[in-house]
Amino acid sequence: MAPKKKDKDIRSNRTVLVSGKFEVLHPGHLRLFRFAHELGDRLIVGVLSDRLVAEQEPESHVVP
């Protein structure tokens, strides 16, 4: 019977992706990044473009 893999072995070579607008970076975003990174050994953060955010939320009050 094969030995059980350790948690680190299970998550090795796993890439985690999070995306969002992150217009104003705050502690909640940092918690999200830390949590997501715990799920794998590599974290990719995708940031929506200003154009896409403006199309989705034309009334946005944050100035890019």
Protein backbone atom coordinates (compact mmCIF):
# COMPACT_ATOMS: atom_id res chain seq x y z
CA MET A 1 0.00 0.00 0.00
CA ALA A 2 1.35 3.44 -0.97
CA PRO A 3 2.23 5.88 1.84
CA LYS A 4 -0.17 8.76 2.45
CA LYS A 5 0.87 12.06 0.94
CA LYS A 6 1.46 15.00 3.24
CA ASP A 7 -0.64 18.16 2.82
CA LYS A 8 2.25 19.96 1.10
CA ASP A 9 2.66 17.11 -1.39
CA ILE A 10 -1.05 17.12 -2.17
CA ARG A 11 -1.07 20.81 -3.04
CA SER A 12 2.29 20.91 -4.86
CA ASN A 13 2.15 22.11 -8.44
CA ARG A 14 -1.36 23.47 -7.88
CA THR A 15 -2.07 26.93 -9.30
CA VAL A 16 -4.87 29.04 -7.83
CA LEU A 17 -6.44 31.96 -9.70
CA VAL A 18 -8.41 34.83 -8.19
CA SER A 19 -9.69 37.80 -10.14
CA GLY A 20 -11.52 41.01 -9.46
CA LYS A 21 -11.44 44.75 -9.84
CA PHE A 22 -9.55 45.46 -6.59
CA GLU A 23 -10.14 49.19 -7.15
CA VAL A 24 -9.23 50.00 -3.56
CA LEU A 25 -7.00 47.31 -2.09
CA HIS A 26 -8.06 46.61 1.51
CA PRO A 27 -7.39 44.01 4.23
CA GLY A 28 -10.23 41.80 2.95
CA HIS A 29 -8.45 41.44 -0.38
CA LEU A 30 -5.22 40.50 1.40
CA ARG A 31 -7.09 37.83 3.39
CA LEU A 32 -8.51 36.50 0.11
CA PHE A 33 -5.02 36.31 -1.43
CA ARG A 34 -3.56 34.55 1.63
CA PHE A 35 -6.44 32.05 1.76
CA ALA A 36 -6.22 31.35 -1.97
CA HIS A 37 -2.46 30.85 -1.74
CA GLU A 38 -2.97 28.26 1.02
CA LEU A 39 -4.89 26.16 -1.53
CA GLY A 40 -1.87 25.83 -3.83
CA ASP A 41 1.76 26.68 -4.19
CA ARG A 42 1.30 29.37 -6.84
CA LEU A 43 -1.20 32.24 -6.87
CA ILE A 44 -2.21 34.24 -9.93
CA VAL A 45 -4.17 37.45 -9.36
CA GLY A 46 -6.13 38.77 -12.35
CA VAL A 47 -7.15 42.43 -12.28
CA LEU A 48 -10.05 43.62 -14.44
CA SER A 49 -9.29 46.46 -16.84
CA ASP A 50 -10.66 49.97 -16.24
CA ARG A 51 -12.75 49.62 -19.41
CA LEU A 52 -14.37 46.39 -18.29
CA VAL A 53 -15.12 47.79 -14.82
CA ALA A 54 -16.67 50.91 -16.39
CA GLU A 55 -18.86 48.73 -18.65
CA GLN A 56 -20.04 46.64 -15.71
CA GLU A 57 -20.54 49.52 -13.27
CA PRO A 58 -21.08 52.79 -15.14
CA GLU A 59 -21.99 54.55 -11.86
CA SER A 60 -18.74 53.59 -10.13
CA HIS A 61 -17.43 56.38 -7.93
CA VAL A 62 -13.83 55.18 -7.86
CA VAL A 63 -11.55 57.07 -10.23
CA PRO A 64 -9.04 54.77 -11.96
